[in-house]
Amino acid sequence: MVAADLRRPAAISQLQTLGKQLDVPVYSEDPAGATPASVAVAGVRRATELALTWTIVDTGGRLHIDDDLMGELEDVKNAISPHQVLLVVDAMTGQDAVNAAEEFHRRIGLDGLILSKMDGDARGGAALSITRVTGVPIKFIGTGERTDGLEAFHPDRMASRILAMGDVLTLIERAQEAVDEQKAKELERKMRTASFTLEDFLDQIQGVKKMGGLASVMEMIPGMGQSTKKMKDQLDESELRKTEAVIRSMTMEEREHPEIIKASRRRRIALGSGTNPSDVNRVLNQFKQTQRLMRQFSSNPKGLMRMLR
């Protein structure tokens, strides 16, 4: 990645931090005396020397009505002749996003769009309007602040989400990325033998978080889109984090044998997790319900499936 945003304070250090998280090299220069175009040229040259397949040149955000800054972008494009020019627009800004994309396409020539904040309530309109007005395809969408919140854009799947019909294919893809195959087989064995523990419960919580959180997962299940909107207050992700903190404050013996957790242990776990004993009780009750379901599955899987229909 090339840090060509020389105007915004801390832009270079933020990109360097992101590069470390992703294990991707970042080329940067002292902003004093440099221009975005000169940094872009030097960065692309360095990437060629390292025989890298892809080079992403990060330029600073700007208003489409700022003629000087738009000219700066034209200089960058002319200097490096990129294979792809992608514009990141905020999907929550509605018509402003459409106007910005239209002007950027006229001045710079866009090959694709990245719509950020597509997990918001107004996510559908911008996607439809921008593509219709500019003719530029949407390549990626952002559904969160973390690096795993960037996903390829599929028009048919987005239409299903807008209509609250779910998005099973994306759900399957996220599950494949988040779930370790060996752990999945081990979980299946534990379900059959009714040996599901709090450690396994913690693994499942982490898996849901990797898939974008509980609300995001439910939204992709057919028929659950409208229900998810109504249940937003109940699907508080902080409760998921609280549950994780409670389990992490337990010893391994307590995770394997929660029946030994009496009053004194509950107070210690609550203190260690920054919660209350009532929160510990809630987690233990949730686990008991899950464990009971596992036992029913192991003893009568067909009966359980009929019950869930």
Protein backbone atom coordinates (compact mmCIF):
# COMPACT_ATOMS: atom_id res chain seq x y z
CA MET A 1 0.00 0.00 0.00
CA VAL A 2 1.19 3.51 -0.80
CA ALA A 3 0.42 6.33 1.66
CA ALA A 4 -0.36 9.20 -0.73
CA ASP A 5 -2.71 11.04 1.65
CA LEU A 6 -0.37 13.86 2.69
CA ARG A 7 -2.94 16.30 4.04
CA ARG A 8 -4.88 14.54 6.78
CA PRO A 9 -3.08 14.38 10.15
CA ALA A 10 -2.04 10.83 11.12
CA ALA A 11 -3.20 9.42 7.75
CA ILE A 12 0.22 7.86 7.11
CA SER A 13 0.55 6.34 10.59
CA GLN A 14 -2.99 4.94 10.37
CA LEU A 15 -2.18 3.21 7.07
CA GLN A 16 1.06 1.85 8.56
CA THR A 17 -0.92 0.43 11.50
CA LEU A 18 -3.36 -1.19 9.08
CA GLY A 19 -0.45 -2.61 7.09
CA LYS A 20 0.97 -4.25 10.21
CA GLN A 21 -2.42 -5.77 11.04
CA LEU A 22 -2.71 -7.24 7.53
CA ASP A 23 1.00 -8.03 7.16
CA VAL A 24 1.13 -5.82 4.05
CA PRO A 25 4.11 -3.50 3.37
CA VAL A 26 3.37 0.25 3.33
CA TYR A 27 5.43 2.79 1.38
CA SER A 28 5.49 6.32 2.80
CA GLU A 29 7.53 9.52 2.65
CA ASP A 30 7.87 12.67 4.71
CA PRO A 31 4.97 14.89 3.53
CA ALA A 32 7.25 17.94 3.57
CA GLY A 33 8.35 18.64 0.01
CA ALA A 34 6.45 15.67 -1.45
CA THR A 35 3.31 15.54 -3.57
CA PRO A 36 0.73 12.75 -3.82
CA ALA A 37 1.83 12.13 -7.42
CA SER A 38 5.55 11.84 -6.54
CA VAL A 39 4.80 9.51 -3.61
CA ALA A 40 2.54 7.38 -5.83
CA VAL A 41 5.25 7.03 -8.50
CA ALA A 42 7.92 6.10 -5.94
CA GLY A 43 5.55 3.67 -4.21
CA VAL A 44 4.65 1.86 -7.42
CA ARG A 45 8.34 1.65 -8.32
CA ARG A 46 9.11 0.12 -4.91
CA ALA A 47 6.29 -2.42 -5.32
CA THR A 48 7.74 -3.43 -8.70
CA GLU A 49 11.16 -3.95 -7.10
CA LEU A 50 9.54 -6.22 -4.49
CA ALA A 51 7.69 -8.14 -7.25
CA LEU A 52 4.33 -7.51 -5.59
CA THR A 53 1.18 -8.47 -7.48
CA TRP A 54 -1.05 -5.62 -6.31
CA THR A 55 -0.36 -2.05 -5.26
CA ILE A 56 -3.04 0.09 -3.61
CA VAL A 57 -2.41 3.84 -3.69
CA ASP A 58 -4.35 5.50 -0.87
CA THR A 59 -5.20 9.13 -1.65
CA GLY A 60 -6.83 11.64 0.67
CA GLY A 61 -10.56 12.17 0.89
CA ARG A 62 -11.83 15.31 -0.80
CA LEU A 63 -14.96 17.15 -1.83
CA HIS A 64 -15.83 16.88 -5.51
CA ILE A 65 -16.38 20.66 -5.62
CA ASP A 66 -12.75 21.41 -4.60
CA ASP A 67 -11.13 22.04 -7.98
CA ASP A 68 -7.52 22.13 -6.70
CA LEU A 69 -7.79 18.78 -4.92
CA MET A 70 -9.54 17.20 -7.89
CA GLY A 71 -6.65 18.42 -10.05
CA GLU A 72 -4.27 16.75 -7.59
CA LEU A 73 -6.04 13.43 -8.21
CA GLU A 74 -5.75 13.90 -11.96
CA ASP A 75 -1.98 14.36 -11.50
CA VAL A 76 -1.77 11.08 -9.56
CA LYS A 77 -3.69 9.19 -12.23
CA ASN A 78 -1.61 10.62 -15.07
CA ALA A 79 1.62 9.82 -13.20
CA ILE A 80 1.00 6.11 -12.54
CA SER A 81 -1.71 5.07 -15.06
CA PRO A 82 -3.52 2.74 -12.62
CA HIS A 83 -5.32 -0.39 -13.79
CA GLN A 84 -8.29 0.42 -11.55
CA VAL A 85 -9.58 3.67 -10.04
CA LEU A 86 -11.95 3.03 -7.13
CA LEU A 87 -13.93 5.67 -5.24
CA VAL A 88 -15.04 5.09 -1.64
CA VAL A 89 -18.36 6.78 -0.89
CA ASP A 90 -20.46 6.88 2.27
CA ALA A 91 -23.75 5.09 1.54
CA MET A 92 -25.46 7.01 4.36
CA THR A 93 -25.07 10.37 2.57
CA GLY A 94 -27.68 9.48 -0.06
CA GLN A 95 -27.89 12.00 -2.91
CA ASP A 96 -24.56 13.62 -1.93
CA ALA A 97 -22.86 10.29 -2.60
CA VAL A 98 -24.49 10.14 -6.03
CA ASN A 99 -23.38 13.70 -6.89
CA ALA A 100 -19.82 13.02 -5.71
CA ALA A 101 -19.54 9.79 -7.70
CA GLU A 102 -20.87 11.50 -10.83
CA GLU A 103 -18.33 14.35 -10.64
CA PHE A 104 -15.40 12.05 -9.79
CA HIS A 105 -16.29 9.87 -12.76
CA ARG A 106 -16.43 12.90 -15.06
CA ARG A 107 -13.08 14.31 -13.88
CA ILE A 108 -11.04 11.21 -13.07
CA GLY A 109 -12.76 8.28 -14.77
CA LEU A 110 -13.83 5.58 -12.32
CA ASP A 111 -13.63 1.82 -12.76
CA GLY A 112 -15.56 0.92 -9.65
CA LEU A 113 -17.11 2.06 -6.38
CA ILE A 114 -16.77 0.97 -2.77
CA LEU A 115 -19.81 1.81 -0.65
CA SER A 116 -19.04 2.14 3.05
CA LYS A 117 -21.51 1.95 5.98
CA MET A 118 -23.74 -0.49 4.13
CA ASP A 119 -24.86 -1.88 7.48
CA GLY A 120 -26.96 1.25 8.07
CA ASP A 121 -30.70 1.63 7.57
CA ALA A 122 -30.40 3.70 4.35
CA ARG A 123 -28.10 1.22 2.63
CA GLY A 124 -30.26 0.32 -0.38
CA GLY A 125 -31.02 3.65 -2.04
CA ALA A 126 -27.46 4.80 -2.61
CA ALA A 127 -26.45 1.47 -4.16
CA LEU A 128 -29.24 1.65 -6.72
CA SER A 129 -28.92 5.38 -7.48
CA ILE A 130 -25.13 5.60 -7.90
CA THR A 131 -24.91 2.76 -10.39
CA ARG A 132 -27.87 4.05 -12.40
CA VAL A 133 -26.58 7.64 -12.62
CA THR A 134 -22.88 6.96 -13.23
CA GLY A 135 -22.93 3.58 -14.94
CA VAL A 136 -19.96 2.65 -12.71
CA PRO A 137 -20.22 -0.79 -11.07
CA ILE A 138 -20.06 -1.26 -7.31
CA LYS A 139 -17.11 -3.57 -6.62
CA PHE A 140 -17.10 -3.80 -2.81
CA ILE A 141 -19.23 -2.81 0.17
CA GLY A 142 -18.19 -2.03 3.72
CA THR A 143 -20.34 -3.50 6.48
CA GLY A 144 -18.21 -2.66 9.52
CA GLU A 145 -15.10 -0.89 10.78
CA ARG A 146 -12.84 -3.95 10.89
CA THR A 147 -10.88 -5.34 7.94
CA ASP A 148 -13.25 -8.31 7.64
CA GLY A 149 -16.11 -5.85 7.08
CA LEU A 150 -15.17 -5.43 3.40
CA GLU A 151 -16.90 -7.84 1.04
CA ALA A 152 -17.46 -8.25 -2.70
CA PHE A 153 -20.69 -6.69 -3.97
CA HIS A 154 -23.32 -9.01 -5.43
CA PRO A 155 -26.39 -7.16 -6.82
CA ASP A 156 -28.75 -10.11 -6.38
CA ARG A 157 -27.72 -10.60 -2.76
CA MET A 158 -28.10 -6.89 -2.02
CA ALA A 159 -31.59 -6.95 -3.53
CA SER A 160 -32.47 -9.83 -1.20
CA ARG A 161 -31.20 -7.88 1.82
CA ILE A 162 -33.13 -4.75 0.84
CA LEU A 163 -36.30 -6.83 0.51
CA ALA A 164 -35.54 -8.57 3.84
CA MET A 165 -35.25 -11.92 2.03
CA GLY A 166 -31.86 -12.77 3.54
CA ASP A 167 -28.54 -13.59 1.91
CA VAL A 168 -27.75 -17.26 2.35
CA LEU A 169 -24.74 -17.35 0.00
CA THR A 170 -22.88 -14.61 1.88
CA LEU A 171 -23.79 -16.30 5.16
CA ILE A 172 -22.27 -19.57 3.91
CA GLU A 173 -19.12 -17.79 2.69
CA ARG A 174 -18.65 -16.02 6.02
CA ALA A 175 -19.20 -19.27 7.90
CA GLN A 176 -16.56 -21.02 5.78
CA GLU A 177 -14.08 -18.23 6.52
CA ALA A 178 -14.84 -18.10 10.25
CA VAL A 179 -15.17 -21.78 11.13
CA ASP A 180 -12.17 -24.09 11.35
CA GLU A 181 -12.98 -27.44 9.71
CA GLN A 182 -11.31 -29.50 12.45
CA LYS A 183 -13.13 -27.57 15.17
CA ALA A 184 -16.41 -28.08 13.33
CA LYS A 185 -15.84 -31.84 13.27
CA GLU A 186 -14.93 -31.82 16.96
CA LEU A 187 -18.08 -29.82 17.75
CA GLU A 188 -20.17 -32.34 15.81
CA ARG A 189 -18.63 -35.15 17.87
CA LYS A 190 -19.39 -33.30 21.12
CA MET A 191 -22.97 -32.72 20.00
CA ARG A 192 -23.38 -36.44 19.37
CA THR A 193 -21.87 -37.35 22.74
CA ALA A 194 -23.49 -34.46 24.68
CA SER A 195 -20.07 -33.27 25.92
CA PHE A 196 -20.49 -29.61 24.93
CA THR A 197 -18.60 -27.32 27.38
CA LEU A 198 -18.35 -23.60 28.13
CA GLU A 199 -15.06 -23.58 26.20
CA ASP A 200 -17.01 -24.74 23.13
CA PHE A 201 -19.65 -22.11 23.92
CA LEU A 202 -16.89 -19.47 23.84
CA ASP A 203 -15.66 -20.77 20.46
CA GLN A 204 -19.18 -20.38 19.04
CA ILE A 205 -19.41 -16.78 20.29
CA GLN A 206 -16.08 -15.95 18.65
CA GLY A 207 -17.29 -17.56 15.43
CA VAL A 208 -20.41 -15.36 15.40
CA LYS A 209 -18.23 -12.27 15.96
CA LYS A 210 -15.98 -13.23 13.04
CA MET A 211 -19.08 -13.45 10.84
CA GLY A 212 -19.98 -9.84 11.60
CA GLY A 213 -22.00 -10.16 14.79
CA LEU A 214 -25.36 -11.59 15.73
CA ALA A 215 -27.49 -8.92 14.01
CA SER A 216 -25.50 -9.25 10.78
CA VAL A 217 -25.88 -13.05 10.78
CA MET A 218 -29.62 -12.89 11.48
CA GLU A 219 -30.13 -10.33 8.71
CA MET A 220 -28.76 -12.83 6.18
CA ILE A 221 -31.18 -15.58 7.24
CA PRO A 222 -34.22 -15.64 4.92
CA GLY A 223 -37.29 -14.14 6.59
CA MET A 224 -35.32 -12.58 9.46
CA GLY A 225 -34.52 -9.18 7.90
CA GLN A 226 -37.56 -7.30 9.22
CA SER A 227 -37.42 -9.16 12.55
CA THR A 228 -33.80 -8.08 13.00
CA LYS A 229 -34.77 -4.42 12.63
CA LYS A 230 -37.50 -4.80 15.26
CA MET A 231 -35.17 -6.70 17.61
CA LYS A 232 -32.18 -4.32 17.35
CA ASP A 233 -32.32 -3.45 21.05
CA GLN A 234 -32.45 -7.13 22.00
CA LEU A 235 -29.54 -8.01 19.69
CA ASP A 236 -27.12 -5.86 21.65
CA GLU A 237 -23.58 -6.93 20.70
CA SER A 238 -22.38 -5.70 24.10
CA GLU A 239 -24.23 -8.65 25.67
CA LEU A 240 -22.18 -10.97 23.48
CA ARG A 241 -18.98 -9.29 24.66
CA LYS A 242 -20.17 -9.52 28.26
CA THR A 243 -20.81 -13.26 27.87
CA GLU A 244 -17.33 -13.70 26.42
CA ALA A 245 -15.77 -11.75 29.31
CA VAL A 246 -17.60 -13.90 31.88
CA ILE A 247 -16.39 -17.18 30.34
CA ARG A 248 -12.82 -15.89 29.99
CA SER A 249 -12.79 -15.07 33.72
CA MET A 250 -13.46 -18.73 34.55
CA THR A 251 -10.75 -21.29 35.16
CA MET A 252 -10.44 -24.15 32.69
CA GLU A 253 -11.90 -26.49 35.31
CA GLU A 254 -14.95 -24.22 35.67
CA ARG A 255 -15.41 -24.12 31.90
CA GLU A 256 -15.29 -27.91 31.74
CA HIS A 257 -17.44 -28.44 34.87
CA PRO A 258 -19.72 -25.40 35.40
CA GLU A 259 -21.67 -27.28 38.08
CA ILE A 260 -18.86 -26.47 40.55
CA ILE A 261 -19.54 -22.72 40.19
CA LYS A 262 -21.23 -21.74 43.45
CA ALA A 263 -21.78 -18.33 45.07
CA SER A 264 -18.14 -17.53 45.94
CA ARG A 265 -16.91 -18.52 42.48
CA ARG A 266 -19.66 -16.46 40.84
CA ARG A 267 -18.58 -13.38 42.79
CA ARG A 268 -14.95 -13.94 41.74
CA ILE A 269 -15.90 -14.43 38.07
CA ALA A 270 -18.10 -11.32 38.13
CA LEU A 271 -15.27 -9.28 39.64
CA GLY A 272 -12.76 -10.58 37.08
CA SER A 273 -15.05 -9.86 34.12
CA GLY A 274 -16.29 -6.47 35.30
CA THR A 275 -19.87 -7.73 35.51
CA ASN A 276 -22.40 -8.66 38.22
CA PRO A 277 -23.17 -12.11 39.69
CA SER A 278 -26.55 -11.87 37.93
CA ASP A 279 -24.69 -11.67 34.59
CA VAL A 280 -22.76 -14.82 35.51
CA ASN A 281 -26.07 -16.54 36.34
CA ARG A 282 -27.48 -15.48 32.96
CA VAL A 283 -24.50 -16.94 31.09
CA LEU A 284 -24.72 -20.21 33.02
CA ASN A 285 -28.47 -20.45 32.34
CA GLN A 286 -27.91 -19.79 28.62
CA PHE A 287 -25.28 -22.51 28.58
CA LYS A 288 -27.58 -24.97 30.36
CA GLN A 289 -30.28 -24.36 27.75
CA THR A 290 -27.76 -24.92 24.95
CA GLN A 291 -26.44 -28.05 26.64
CA ARG A 292 -30.00 -29.36 27.06
CA LEU A 293 -30.58 -28.83 23.35
CA MET A 294 -27.38 -30.74 22.58
CA ARG A 295 -28.53 -33.67 24.72
CA GLN A 296 -31.87 -33.76 22.92
CA PHE A 297 -30.06 -33.73 19.60
CA SER A 298 -27.76 -36.59 20.61
CA SER A 299 -30.63 -38.74 21.87
CA ASN A 300 -33.21 -37.96 19.17
CA PRO A 301 -31.91 -35.82 16.25
CA LYS A 302 -35.02 -36.42 14.10
CA GLY A 303 -37.33 -35.40 16.91
CA LEU A 304 -35.35 -32.23 17.51
CA MET A 305 -35.54 -31.27 13.83
CA ARG A 306 -39.33 -31.70 13.94
CA MET A 307 -39.46 -29.50 17.04
CA LEU A 308 -37.45 -26.75 15.31
CA ARG A 309 -39.71 -26.64 12.24
